[in-house]
Amino acid sequence: MTAVRVRALRRVFGDRAVLDDLDLTIGRGEFVALLGASGSGKTTLLRILGALDGADGGEVLVPEARTIVFQEPRLIPSTRVLANVTVGLPRGAATRETGLRALAEVGLEQHADAWPATLSGGEAQRVALARALVREPELLLLDEPFAALDALTRLRMQDLVGELRRIHRPAVLLVTHDVDEAVRLADRVAVLRDGRLVTDEPVTVPHPRDPGDPEVVALRRRLLADLGVHATTPAGAPTPAPSTTRAPQKEFSA
């Protein structure tokens, strides 16, 4: 089943086509990571999928139930944590219970009555994640949600997102600059360059993924090369097989 289907997408700013004849398909429950240099159009694509921006051409089909987690938590400072999670939900007896359950999933049920200003960066981002998942989205859009966090908190948040994804099973599109993050989390990794996807590869190594696994090392090397970064092989380490031309992405039957 297909959650996202993009065909011949075009988005122009001035005289520059940021997205040009782009095709992308994401299956239901599939986790896709999108890599690309700054200004390559990653966030533009995510915003179009989230209905925050419009396309200048092409076809975009996405589920109605979709949510976005941004790099900044974007919490309402004058509203307590629980109310931030449930903001916009229909009023009713289940709202508080639903919000507390979402906070429990991200380990913050004890902070329900706290003010956002008292939270750490990682805690605030967990609240943003709970706010997104409480709506049970069919599509979860993640716009570099860990970029502002320290390295240890980032790893913990990656693990949390992976676990919540396994529980809720939304389709996920993660926009990131971090190749290791993409390989660690995603079922497929795509690279955006010159307005199109130049790479779209499955990650077949089972979770949890060892960064030293030869398949992971080889994939990381190929992705870095597609991003214009050519890593050197450490002394004594096996040289990964040369990159091959990747076949076009597979279609998912609706």
Protein backbone atom coordinates (compact mmCIF):
# COMPACT_ATOMS: atom_id res chain seq x y z
CA MET A 1 0.00 0.00 0.00
CA THR A 2 1.20 3.50 -0.79
CA ALA A 3 1.23 6.37 1.73
CA VAL A 4 2.99 8.97 -0.45
CA ARG A 5 3.08 9.23 -4.22
CA VAL A 6 4.89 12.15 -5.86
CA ARG A 7 5.16 12.41 -9.63
CA ALA A 8 7.02 14.99 -11.72
CA LEU A 9 7.02 17.47 -8.80
CA ARG A 10 8.30 20.93 -9.62
CA ARG A 11 8.87 23.89 -7.30
CA VAL A 12 10.41 27.11 -8.56
CA PHE A 13 11.77 30.08 -6.63
CA GLY A 14 12.53 32.96 -8.95
CA ASP A 15 14.42 31.52 -11.89
CA ARG A 16 15.63 28.45 -9.97
CA ALA A 17 13.85 25.09 -9.96
CA VAL A 18 14.54 23.74 -6.47
CA LEU A 19 12.55 20.59 -7.25
CA ASP A 20 12.48 19.53 -10.88
CA ASP A 21 10.54 16.50 -12.16
CA LEU A 22 10.97 14.70 -8.82
CA ASP A 23 9.39 11.28 -8.24
CA LEU A 24 9.03 9.65 -4.82
CA THR A 25 6.95 6.83 -3.39
CA ILE A 26 6.72 5.87 0.28
CA GLY A 27 4.87 2.74 1.36
CA ARG A 28 2.62 2.56 4.40
CA GLY A 29 4.74 2.01 7.48
CA GLU A 30 7.97 2.64 5.56
CA PHE A 31 10.76 4.84 6.94
CA VAL A 32 12.57 6.90 4.30
CA ALA A 33 15.49 9.23 5.07
CA LEU A 34 16.23 12.09 2.69
CA LEU A 35 19.78 13.46 2.45
CA GLY A 36 21.07 16.46 0.53
CA ALA A 37 23.26 19.53 0.77
CA SER A 38 21.91 22.74 2.25
CA GLY A 39 19.58 24.39 -0.24
CA SER A 40 18.97 21.18 -2.17
CA GLY A 41 15.21 21.31 -1.58
CA LYS A 42 14.80 18.73 1.21
CA THR A 43 12.74 20.96 3.47
CA THR A 44 10.81 22.33 0.49
CA LEU A 45 9.72 18.80 -0.36
CA LEU A 46 8.75 18.11 3.25
CA ARG A 47 6.75 21.34 3.44
CA ILE A 48 4.86 20.45 0.27
CA LEU A 49 4.01 17.02 1.68
CA GLY A 50 2.87 18.71 4.88
CA ALA A 51 0.67 21.24 2.99
CA LEU A 52 2.81 24.16 4.21
CA ASP A 53 3.89 24.99 0.66
CA GLY A 54 2.49 24.46 -2.81
CA ALA A 55 3.89 22.86 -5.94
CA ASP A 56 4.35 24.56 -9.31
CA GLY A 57 3.70 21.34 -11.18
CA GLY A 58 3.31 17.61 -10.83
CA GLU A 59 1.20 15.34 -8.65
CA VAL A 60 1.34 14.94 -4.85
CA LEU A 61 -0.82 12.35 -3.09
CA VAL A 62 -0.49 12.12 0.71
CA PRO A 63 -2.74 10.89 3.54
CA GLU A 64 -4.92 13.47 5.26
CA ALA A 65 -3.64 12.39 8.68
CA ARG A 66 -0.09 13.75 8.71
CA THR A 67 2.03 15.67 11.20
CA ILE A 68 5.39 17.44 11.21
CA VAL A 69 8.16 17.62 13.83
CA PHE A 70 10.55 20.49 13.16
CA GLN A 71 14.12 21.15 14.26
CA GLU A 72 12.75 23.48 16.95
CA PRO A 73 10.09 22.04 19.28
CA ARG A 74 7.79 25.03 18.67
CA LEU A 75 6.01 24.63 22.01
CA ILE A 76 3.63 27.31 23.26
CA PRO A 77 5.55 28.90 26.18
CA SER A 78 2.42 30.07 28.01
CA THR A 79 0.85 26.58 27.95
CA ARG A 80 1.82 23.62 30.11
CA VAL A 81 3.30 20.48 28.61
CA LEU A 82 0.11 18.40 28.55
CA ALA A 83 -1.84 21.19 26.87
CA ASN A 84 0.94 21.53 24.29
CA VAL A 85 0.55 17.85 23.44
CA THR A 86 -3.23 17.98 23.11
CA VAL A 87 -3.51 21.39 21.43
CA GLY A 88 -5.91 21.22 18.53
CA LEU A 89 -7.43 17.88 19.53
CA PRO A 90 -11.23 17.73 19.86
CA ARG A 91 -12.33 18.53 23.38
CA GLY A 92 -13.65 15.62 25.39
CA ALA A 93 -13.14 13.40 28.38
CA ALA A 94 -10.45 11.35 26.62
CA THR A 95 -8.23 14.33 25.75
CA ARG A 96 -6.27 14.41 29.01
CA GLU A 97 -5.97 10.62 29.11
CA THR A 98 -4.83 10.56 25.49
CA GLY A 99 -2.23 13.25 26.14
CA LEU A 100 -0.88 11.53 29.25
CA ARG A 101 -0.57 8.28 27.33
CA ALA A 102 1.42 10.05 24.61
CA LEU A 103 3.69 11.65 27.21
CA ALA A 104 4.22 8.25 28.85
CA GLU A 105 5.39 6.88 25.49
CA VAL A 106 8.17 9.49 25.37
CA GLY A 107 8.97 9.14 29.09
CA LEU A 108 7.59 12.51 30.20
CA GLU A 109 4.34 11.70 31.99
CA GLN A 110 5.76 13.27 35.17
CA HIS A 111 6.20 16.57 33.31
CA ALA A 112 2.57 16.95 32.23
CA ASP A 113 2.05 20.08 34.35
CA ALA A 114 5.50 21.60 33.73
CA TRP A 115 6.09 24.77 31.73
CA PRO A 116 8.06 24.44 28.48
CA ALA A 117 10.76 26.82 29.79
CA THR A 118 11.71 24.25 32.45
CA LEU A 119 12.47 21.51 29.93
CA SER A 120 15.82 20.59 28.43
CA GLY A 121 16.23 20.63 24.66
CA GLY A 122 15.79 16.89 24.44
CA GLU A 123 12.71 16.94 26.68
CA ALA A 124 11.11 19.71 24.64
CA GLN A 125 11.70 17.73 21.44
CA ARG A 126 10.13 14.67 23.04
CA VAL A 127 7.04 16.76 23.80
CA ALA A 128 6.94 17.81 20.15
CA LEU A 129 7.16 14.14 19.14
CA ALA A 130 4.32 13.23 21.53
CA ARG A 131 2.23 16.08 20.09
CA ALA A 132 2.76 14.66 16.59
CA LEU A 133 2.04 11.03 17.46
CA VAL A 134 -1.02 11.70 19.64
CA ARG A 135 -2.86 12.40 16.39
CA GLU A 136 -2.07 8.89 15.10
CA PRO A 137 -0.74 10.14 11.75
CA GLU A 138 -0.46 7.94 8.70
CA LEU A 139 2.50 10.10 7.63
CA LEU A 140 5.08 11.52 10.05
CA LEU A 141 7.36 14.21 8.60
CA LEU A 142 10.60 14.88 10.50
CA ASP A 143 12.56 18.01 9.53
CA GLU A 144 16.02 17.54 11.10
CA PRO A 145 14.43 17.09 14.54
CA PHE A 146 17.69 16.12 16.27
CA ALA A 147 20.04 18.68 14.71
CA ALA A 148 20.09 21.03 17.72
CA LEU A 149 20.69 18.28 20.29
CA ASP A 150 23.97 17.11 21.75
CA ALA A 151 25.39 13.84 20.44
CA LEU A 152 24.22 11.60 23.29
CA THR A 153 20.71 13.06 23.38
CA ARG A 154 20.54 12.73 19.60
CA LEU A 155 21.27 9.00 19.80
CA ARG A 156 18.63 8.54 22.50
CA MET A 157 16.08 10.43 20.42
CA GLN A 158 16.91 8.32 17.38
CA ASP A 159 16.27 5.17 19.42
CA LEU A 160 12.99 6.64 20.69
CA VAL A 161 11.80 7.52 17.19
CA GLY A 162 12.70 4.03 15.99
CA GLU A 163 10.73 2.44 18.83
CA LEU A 164 7.69 4.70 18.40
CA ARG A 165 7.71 4.06 14.67
CA ARG A 166 7.58 0.30 15.33
CA ILE A 167 4.60 0.82 17.67
CA HIS A 168 2.54 3.29 15.62
CA ARG A 169 3.64 2.24 12.10
CA PRO A 170 3.23 5.55 10.27
CA ALA A 171 5.04 6.18 7.03
CA VAL A 172 8.02 8.39 7.92
CA LEU A 173 10.05 10.87 5.91
CA LEU A 174 13.13 12.09 7.78
CA VAL A 175 15.02 15.07 6.35
CA THR A 176 18.58 15.08 7.66
CA HIS A 177 22.17 16.09 6.90
CA ASP A 178 23.48 13.16 8.97
CA VAL A 179 24.38 10.09 6.88
CA ASP A 180 24.92 7.93 9.97
CA GLU A 181 21.49 8.90 11.31
CA ALA A 182 19.86 8.05 8.00
CA VAL A 183 21.52 4.64 7.78
CA ARG A 184 20.79 3.89 11.44
CA LEU A 185 17.05 4.51 11.21
CA ALA A 186 15.69 4.20 7.68
CA ASP A 187 14.36 1.40 5.51
CA ARG A 188 15.44 3.42 2.46
CA VAL A 189 17.83 6.33 2.02
CA ALA A 190 17.48 8.83 -0.82
CA VAL A 191 19.81 11.63 -1.89
CA LEU A 192 18.40 14.82 -3.39
CA ARG A 193 20.58 16.78 -5.82
CA ASP A 194 19.77 19.26 -8.57
CA GLY A 195 16.08 18.96 -7.84
CA ARG A 196 15.87 15.18 -8.28
CA LEU A 197 16.63 11.99 -6.38
CA VAL A 198 20.01 10.72 -7.55
CA THR A 199 20.02 7.84 -5.07
CA ASP A 200 17.25 5.70 -3.62
CA GLU A 201 18.61 2.65 -1.82
CA PRO A 202 17.09 0.14 0.60
CA VAL A 203 18.91 -0.53 3.87
CA THR A 204 18.70 -4.28 4.34
CA VAL A 205 20.81 -4.65 7.51
CA PRO A 206 18.53 -5.68 10.40
CA HIS A 207 18.09 -3.50 13.50
CA PRO A 208 19.96 -2.70 15.66
CA ARG A 209 22.58 -1.78 13.07
CA ASP A 210 26.27 -2.01 13.85
CA PRO A 211 28.07 0.99 12.26
CA GLY A 212 31.01 -1.34 11.62
CA ASP A 213 28.96 -3.84 9.64
CA PRO A 214 30.52 -4.11 6.15
CA GLU A 215 27.18 -3.45 4.44
CA VAL A 216 26.62 -0.35 6.58
CA VAL A 217 30.16 0.89 5.89
CA ALA A 218 29.76 0.36 2.13
CA LEU A 219 26.36 2.09 2.04
CA ARG A 220 27.66 5.01 4.08
CA ARG A 221 30.56 5.40 1.66
CA ARG A 222 28.26 5.39 -1.37
CA LEU A 223 25.93 7.94 0.18
CA LEU A 224 28.81 10.26 1.08
CA ALA A 225 30.10 9.98 -2.48
CA ASP A 226 26.65 10.89 -3.81
CA LEU A 227 26.77 13.92 -1.51
CA GLY A 228 30.17 14.89 -2.92
CA VAL A 229 32.20 13.66 0.09
CA HIS A 230 34.79 10.98 -0.62
CA ALA A 231 35.81 9.16 2.56
CA THR A 232 39.13 7.33 2.84
CA THR A 233 39.40 3.71 3.88
CA PRO A 234 41.12 3.24 7.28
CA ALA A 235 44.39 1.34 7.18
CA GLY A 236 43.83 -2.39 7.26
CA ALA A 237 40.10 -2.08 6.58
CA PRO A 238 38.58 -3.88 3.58
CA THR A 239 37.78 -1.65 0.64
CA PRO A 240 34.02 -1.71 -0.06
CA ALA A 241 32.88 -2.76 -3.50
CA PRO A 242 32.61 0.12 -5.94
CA SER A 243 29.29 1.87 -6.17
CA THR A 244 27.00 0.58 -8.88
CA THR A 245 24.26 2.39 -10.71
CA ARG A 246 21.11 2.10 -8.68
CA ALA A 247 17.90 1.02 -10.35
CA PRO A 248 14.91 3.38 -10.23
CA GLN A 249 12.87 3.09 -7.05
CA LYS A 250 10.23 0.41 -6.95
CA GLU A 251 6.57 1.24 -7.17
CA PHE A 252 4.13 0.18 -4.48
CA SER A 253 0.71 -1.01 -5.53
CA ALA A 254 -2.11 1.09 -4.16
